[in-house]
């Protein structure tokens, strides 16, 4: 994966978004451009790019305790 450092932060190689933290830029690329969904619901197998969204789904949709 290639990214370009800008003054005071990092810029997405696919769009004009810029970030102060490299980790935020990498998350942006994975979720918005590469459509990665490494976190999946253990019940229905729906996928998310962020673990907090997956945990919230399990709690709200399936009624399991957090």
PDB file of N, CA and C in Angstrom:
ATOM      1  N   UNK A   1       0.857  -1.169   0.000  1.00  0.00           N
ATOM      2  CA  UNK A   1       0.000   0.000   0.000  1.00  0.00           C
ATOM      3  C   UNK A   1       0.904   1.233   0.000  1.00  0.00           C
ATOM      4  N   UNK A   2       0.526   2.194  -0.778  1.00  0.00           N
ATOM      5  CA  UNK A   2       1.315   3.416  -0.890  1.00  0.00           C
ATOM      6  C   UNK A   2       0.519   4.571  -0.316  1.00  0.00           C
ATOM      7  N   UNK A   3       1.170   5.436   0.442  1.00  0.00           N
ATOM      8  CA  UNK A   3       0.531   6.651   0.913  1.00  0.00           C
ATOM      9  C   UNK A   3       1.533   7.788   0.814  1.00  0.00           C
ATOM     10  N   UNK A   4       1.026   8.957   0.827  1.00  0.00           N
ATOM     11  CA  UNK A   4       1.860  10.126   0.638  1.00  0.00           C
ATOM     12  C   UNK A   4       1.802  11.001   1.870  1.00  0.00           C
ATOM     13  N   UNK A   5       2.948  11.270   2.455  1.00  0.00           N
ATOM     14  CA  UNK A   5       2.998  12.145   3.631  1.00  0.00           C
ATOM     15  C   UNK A   5       2.841  13.593   3.182  1.00  0.00           C
ATOM     16  N   UNK A   6       2.032  14.339   3.903  1.00  0.00           N
ATOM     17  CA  UNK A   6       1.866  15.761   3.633  1.00  0.00           C
ATOM     18  C   UNK A   6       2.331  16.510   4.878  1.00  0.00           C
ATOM     19  N   UNK A   7       2.490  17.788   4.770  1.00  0.00           N
ATOM     20  CA  UNK A   7       2.923  18.581   5.915  1.00  0.00           C
ATOM     21  C   UNK A   7       1.872  18.449   7.009  1.00  0.00           C
ATOM     22  N   UNK A   8       2.286  17.953   8.148  1.00  0.00           N
ATOM     23  CA  UNK A   8       1.381  17.806   9.269  1.00  0.00           C
ATOM     24  C   UNK A   8       0.464  16.605   9.183  1.00  0.00           C
ATOM     25  N   UNK A   9       0.693  15.671   8.267  1.00  0.00           N
ATOM     26  CA  UNK A   9      -0.186  14.516   8.220  1.00  0.00           C
ATOM     27  C   UNK A   9       0.027  13.618   7.020  1.00  0.00           C
ATOM     28  N   UNK A  10      -1.022  12.878   6.690  1.00  0.00           N
ATOM     29  CA  UNK A  10      -0.989  11.876   5.628  1.00  0.00           C
ATOM     30  C   UNK A  10      -2.171  12.066   4.701  1.00  0.00           C
ATOM     31  N   UNK A  11      -1.952  11.819   3.423  1.00  0.00           N
ATOM     32  CA  UNK A  11      -2.984  12.010   2.415  1.00  0.00           C
ATOM     33  C   UNK A  11      -3.317  10.680   1.748  1.00  0.00           C
ATOM     34  N   UNK A  12      -4.600  10.467   1.504  1.00  0.00           N
ATOM     35  CA  UNK A  12      -5.061   9.252   0.838  1.00  0.00           C
ATOM     36  C   UNK A  12      -4.608   9.265  -0.612  1.00  0.00           C
ATOM     37  N   UNK A  13      -4.148   8.108  -1.088  1.00  0.00           N
ATOM     38  CA  UNK A  13      -3.696   8.009  -2.475  1.00  0.00           C
ATOM     39  C   UNK A  13      -4.862   7.924  -3.459  1.00  0.00           C
ATOM     40  N   UNK A  14      -6.078   7.651  -2.970  1.00  0.00           N
ATOM     41  CA  UNK A  14      -7.232   7.469  -3.835  1.00  0.00           C
ATOM     42  C   UNK A  14      -8.136   8.695  -3.924  1.00  0.00           C
ATOM     43  N   UNK A  15      -8.100   9.547  -2.910  1.00  0.00           N
ATOM     44  CA  UNK A  15      -8.968  10.723  -2.911  1.00  0.00           C
ATOM     45  C   UNK A  15      -8.235  11.877  -2.216  1.00  0.00           C
ATOM     46  N   UNK A  16      -8.917  12.950  -1.982  1.00  0.00           N
ATOM     47  CA  UNK A  16      -8.269  14.137  -1.424  1.00  0.00           C
ATOM     48  C   UNK A  16      -8.290  14.182   0.107  1.00  0.00           C
ATOM     49  N   UNK A  17      -8.716  13.112   0.756  1.00  0.00           N
ATOM     50  CA  UNK A  17      -8.784  13.108   2.220  1.00  0.00           C
ATOM     51  C   UNK A  17      -7.385  13.163   2.829  1.00  0.00           C
ATOM     52  N   UNK A  18      -7.260  13.901   3.933  1.00  0.00           N
ATOM     53  CA  UNK A  18      -5.979  13.973   4.630  1.00  0.00           C
ATOM     54  C   UNK A  18      -6.205  13.748   6.117  1.00  0.00           C
ATOM     55  N   UNK A  19      -5.186  13.224   6.774  1.00  0.00           N
ATOM     56  CA  UNK A  19      -5.295  12.810   8.165  1.00  0.00           C
ATOM     57  C   UNK A  19      -4.034  13.183   8.920  1.00  0.00           C
ATOM     58  N   UNK A  20      -4.174  13.464  10.196  1.00  0.00           N
ATOM     59  CA  UNK A  20      -3.007  13.788  11.012  1.00  0.00           C
ATOM     60  C   UNK A  20      -2.287  12.530  11.477  1.00  0.00           C
ATOM     61  N   UNK A  21      -3.011  11.418  11.572  1.00  0.00           N
ATOM     62  CA  UNK A  21      -2.408  10.157  12.002  1.00  0.00           C
ATOM     63  C   UNK A  21      -2.397   9.150  10.857  1.00  0.00           C
ATOM     64  N   UNK A  22      -1.289   8.455  10.709  1.00  0.00           N
ATOM     65  CA  UNK A  22      -1.169   7.432   9.673  1.00  0.00           C
ATOM     66  C   UNK A  22      -2.197   6.323   9.880  1.00  0.00           C
ATOM     67  N   UNK A  23      -2.451   5.941  11.125  1.00  0.00           N
ATOM     68  CA  UNK A  23      -3.403   4.865  11.392  1.00  0.00           C
ATOM     69  C   UNK A  23      -4.810   5.234  10.926  1.00  0.00           C
ATOM     70  N   UNK A  24      -5.193   6.495  11.075  1.00  0.00           N
ATOM     71  CA  UNK A  24      -6.510   6.939  10.593  1.00  0.00           C
ATOM     72  C   UNK A  24      -6.583   6.905   9.075  1.00  0.00           C
ATOM     73  N   UNK A  25      -5.497   7.285   8.413  1.00  0.00           N
ATOM     74  CA  UNK A  25      -5.467   7.243   6.957  1.00  0.00           C
ATOM     75  C   UNK A  25      -5.551   5.802   6.467  1.00  0.00           C
ATOM     76  N   UNK A  26      -4.835   4.892   7.110  1.00  0.00           N
ATOM     77  CA  UNK A  26      -4.874   3.489   6.707  1.00  0.00           C
ATOM     78  C   UNK A  26      -6.265   2.896   6.909  1.00  0.00           C
ATOM     79  N   UNK A  27      -6.922   3.242   8.015  1.00  0.00           N
ATOM     80  CA  UNK A  27      -8.285   2.772   8.251  1.00  0.00           C
ATOM     81  C   UNK A  27      -9.224   3.313   7.174  1.00  0.00           C
ATOM     82  N   UNK A  28      -9.065   4.576   6.818  1.00  0.00           N
ATOM     83  CA  UNK A  28      -9.864   5.186   5.759  1.00  0.00           C
ATOM     84  C   UNK A  28      -9.699   4.422   4.449  1.00  0.00           C
ATOM     85  N   UNK A  29      -8.472   4.131   4.065  1.00  0.00           N
ATOM     86  CA  UNK A  29      -8.207   3.417   2.810  1.00  0.00           C
ATOM     87  C   UNK A  29      -8.844   2.031   2.855  1.00  0.00           C
ATOM     88  N   UNK A  30      -8.658   1.324   3.957  1.00  0.00           N
ATOM     89  CA  UNK A  30      -9.224  -0.030   4.071  1.00  0.00           C
ATOM     90  C   UNK A  30     -10.741  -0.021   3.985  1.00  0.00           C
ATOM     91  N   UNK A  31     -11.389   0.934   4.643  1.00  0.00           N
ATOM     92  CA  UNK A  31     -12.847   0.934   4.711  1.00  0.00           C
ATOM     93  C   UNK A  31     -13.518   1.589   3.512  1.00  0.00           C
ATOM     94  N   UNK A  32     -12.962   2.656   2.999  1.00  0.00           N
ATOM     95  CA  UNK A  32     -13.618   3.403   1.924  1.00  0.00           C
ATOM     96  C   UNK A  32     -13.205   2.968   0.523  1.00  0.00           C
ATOM     97  N   UNK A  33     -11.994   2.482   0.374  1.00  0.00           N
ATOM     98  CA  UNK A  33     -11.507   2.186  -0.976  1.00  0.00           C
ATOM     99  C   UNK A  33     -11.256   0.702  -1.226  1.00  0.00           C
ATOM    100  N   UNK A  34     -10.825  -0.044  -0.225  1.00  0.00           N
ATOM    101  CA  UNK A  34     -10.535  -1.461  -0.407  1.00  0.00           C
ATOM    102  C   UNK A  34     -11.674  -2.358   0.059  1.00  0.00           C
ATOM    103  N   UNK A  35     -12.649  -1.764   0.737  1.00  0.00           N
ATOM    104  CA  UNK A  35     -13.837  -2.476   1.219  1.00  0.00           C
ATOM    105  C   UNK A  35     -13.513  -3.718   2.036  1.00  0.00           C
ATOM    106  N   UNK A  36     -12.474  -3.646   2.849  1.00  0.00           N
ATOM    107  CA  UNK A  36     -12.126  -4.762   3.715  1.00  0.00           C
ATOM    108  C   UNK A  36     -13.106  -4.855   4.875  1.00  0.00           C
ATOM    109  N   UNK A  37     -13.496  -6.073   5.217  1.00  0.00           N
ATOM    110  CA  UNK A  37     -14.385  -6.312   6.354  1.00  0.00           C
ATOM    111  C   UNK A  37     -13.840  -7.483   7.179  1.00  0.00           C
ATOM    112  N   UNK A  38     -12.762  -7.256   7.925  1.00  0.00           N
ATOM    113  CA  UNK A  38     -12.138  -8.346   8.665  1.00  0.00           C
ATOM    114  C   UNK A  38     -12.888  -8.784   9.932  1.00  0.00           C
ATOM    115  N   UNK A  39     -13.892  -8.028  10.361  1.00  0.00           N
ATOM    116  CA  UNK A  39     -14.639  -8.378  11.567  1.00  0.00           C
ATOM    117  C   UNK A  39     -16.023  -8.845  11.167  1.00  0.00           C
ATOM    118  N   UNK A  40     -16.386 -10.061  11.554  1.00  0.00           N
ATOM    119  CA  UNK A  40     -17.684 -10.584  11.155  1.00  0.00           C
ATOM    120  C   UNK A  40     -18.484 -11.066  12.363  1.00  0.00           C
ATOM    121  N   UNK A  41     -19.787 -10.971  12.233  1.00  0.00           N
ATOM    122  CA  UNK A  41     -20.708 -11.407  13.273  1.00  0.00           C
ATOM    123  C   UNK A  41     -20.608 -12.924  13.415  1.00  0.00           C
ATOM    124  N   UNK A  42     -20.450 -13.437  14.630  1.00  0.00           N
ATOM    125  CA  UNK A  42     -20.364 -14.881  14.803  1.00  0.00           C
ATOM    126  C   UNK A  42     -21.691 -15.597  14.565  1.00  0.00           C
ATOM    127  N   UNK A  43     -22.783 -14.836  14.503  1.00  0.00           N
ATOM    128  CA  UNK A  43     -24.099 -15.435  14.323  1.00  0.00           C
ATOM    129  C   UNK A  43     -24.552 -15.407  12.868  1.00  0.00           C
ATOM    130  N   UNK A  44     -24.555 -14.210  12.242  1.00  0.00           N
ATOM    131  CA  UNK A  44     -25.072 -14.094  10.872  1.00  0.00           C
ATOM    132  C   UNK A  44     -23.984 -13.900   9.820  1.00  0.00           C
ATOM    133  N   UNK A  45     -22.739 -13.752  10.259  1.00  0.00           N
ATOM    134  CA  UNK A  45     -21.573 -13.632   9.372  1.00  0.00           C
ATOM    135  C   UNK A  45     -21.494 -12.319   8.588  1.00  0.00           C
ATOM    136  N   UNK A  46     -22.318 -11.331   8.898  1.00  0.00           N
ATOM    137  CA  UNK A  46     -22.199 -10.024   8.264  1.00  0.00           C
ATOM    138  C   UNK A  46     -20.861  -9.417   8.666  1.00  0.00           C
ATOM    139  N   UNK A  47     -20.227  -8.684   7.749  1.00  0.00           N
ATOM    140  CA  UNK A  47     -18.891  -8.178   8.017  1.00  0.00           C
ATOM    141  C   UNK A  47     -18.817  -6.671   8.201  1.00  0.00           C
ATOM    142  N   UNK A  48     -17.809  -6.231   8.967  1.00  0.00           N
ATOM    143  CA  UNK A  48     -17.530  -4.823   9.211  1.00  0.00           C
ATOM    144  C   UNK A  48     -16.044  -4.572   9.133  1.00  0.00           C
ATOM    145  N   UNK A  49     -15.714  -3.324   8.911  1.00  0.00           N
ATOM    146  CA  UNK A  49     -14.312  -2.937   8.852  1.00  0.00           C
ATOM    147  C   UNK A  49     -13.778  -2.547  10.223  1.00  0.00           C
ATOM    148  N   UNK A  50     -14.677  -2.311  11.180  1.00  0.00           N
ATOM    149  CA  UNK A  50     -14.257  -1.893  12.527  1.00  0.00           C
ATOM    150  C   UNK A  50     -14.856  -2.825  13.576  1.00  0.00           C
ATOM    151  N   UNK A  51     -14.062  -3.180  14.592  1.00  0.00           N
ATOM    152  CA  UNK A  51     -14.570  -4.108  15.608  1.00  0.00           C
ATOM    153  C   UNK A  51     -15.705  -3.541  16.453  1.00  0.00           C
ATOM    154  N   UNK A  52     -15.688  -2.226  16.698  1.00  0.00           N
ATOM    155  CA  UNK A  52     -16.752  -1.631  17.498  1.00  0.00           C
ATOM    156  C   UNK A  52     -18.100  -1.713  16.797  1.00  0.00           C
ATOM    157  N   UNK A  53     -18.123  -1.573  15.488  1.00  0.00           N
ATOM    158  CA  UNK A  53     -19.378  -1.670  14.733  1.00  0.00           C
ATOM    159  C   UNK A  53     -19.918  -3.100  14.778  1.00  0.00           C
ATOM    160  N   UNK A  54     -19.042  -4.069  14.708  1.00  0.00           N
ATOM    161  CA  UNK A  54     -19.455  -5.468  14.784  1.00  0.00           C
ATOM    162  C   UNK A  54     -20.045  -5.779  16.157  1.00  0.00           C
ATOM    163  N   UNK A  55     -19.382  -5.327  17.216  1.00  0.00           N
ATOM    164  CA  UNK A  55     -19.883  -5.573  18.569  1.00  0.00           C
ATOM    165  C   UNK A  55     -21.239  -4.914  18.783  1.00  0.00           C
ATOM    166  N   UNK A  56     -21.405  -3.705  18.265  1.00  0.00           N
ATOM    167  CA  UNK A  56     -22.684  -3.003  18.386  1.00  0.00           C
ATOM    168  C   UNK A  56     -23.788  -3.756  17.652  1.00  0.00           C
ATOM    169  N   UNK A  57     -23.487  -4.299  16.485  1.00  0.00           N
ATOM    170  CA  UNK A  57     -24.454  -5.094  15.723  1.00  0.00           C
ATOM    171  C   UNK A  57     -24.899  -6.313  16.532  1.00  0.00           C
ATOM    172  N   UNK A  58     -23.946  -7.040  17.078  1.00  0.00           N
ATOM    173  CA  UNK A  58     -24.273  -8.242  17.848  1.00  0.00           C
ATOM    174  C   UNK A  58     -25.184  -7.883  19.022  1.00  0.00           C
ATOM    175  N   UNK A  59     -24.901  -6.783  19.664  1.00  0.00           N
ATOM    176  CA  UNK A  59     -25.714  -6.342  20.797  1.00  0.00           C
ATOM    177  C   UNK A  59     -27.118  -5.926  20.353  1.00  0.00           C
ATOM    178  N   UNK A  60     -27.194  -5.076  19.339  1.00  0.00           N
ATOM    179  CA  UNK A  60     -28.496  -4.535  18.921  1.00  0.00           C
ATOM    180  C   UNK A  60     -29.356  -5.536  18.156  1.00  0.00           C
ATOM    181  N   UNK A  61     -28.774  -6.250  17.211  1.00  0.00           N
ATOM    182  CA  UNK A  61     -29.543  -7.119  16.337  1.00  0.00           C
ATOM    183  C   UNK A  61     -29.840  -8.472  16.995  1.00  0.00           C
ATOM    184  N   UNK A  62     -28.851  -9.039  17.658  1.00  0.00           N
ATOM    185  CA  UNK A  62     -28.996 -10.366  18.203  1.00  0.00           C
ATOM    186  C   UNK A  62     -29.272 -10.381  19.713  1.00  0.00           C
ATOM    187  N   UNK A  63     -29.222  -9.209  20.345  1.00  0.00           N
ATOM    188  CA  UNK A  63     -29.564  -9.089  21.739  1.00  0.00           C
ATOM    189  C   UNK A  63     -28.570  -9.694  22.704  1.00  0.00           C
ATOM    190  N   UNK A  64     -27.341  -9.882  22.277  1.00  0.00           N
ATOM    191  CA  UNK A  64     -26.335 -10.447  23.159  1.00  0.00           C
ATOM    192  C   UNK A  64     -25.705  -9.356  24.018  1.00  0.00           C
ATOM    193  N   UNK A  65     -25.268  -9.713  25.173  1.00  0.00           N
ATOM    194  CA  UNK A  65     -24.661  -8.779  26.117  1.00  0.00           C
ATOM    195  C   UNK A  65     -23.293  -8.357  25.600  1.00  0.00           C
ATOM    196  N   UNK A  66     -22.964  -7.075  25.766  1.00  0.00           N
ATOM    197  CA  UNK A  66     -21.681  -6.535  25.316  1.00  0.00           C
ATOM    198  C   UNK A  66     -20.547  -7.123  26.101  1.00  0.00           C
TER     199      UNK A  66
END
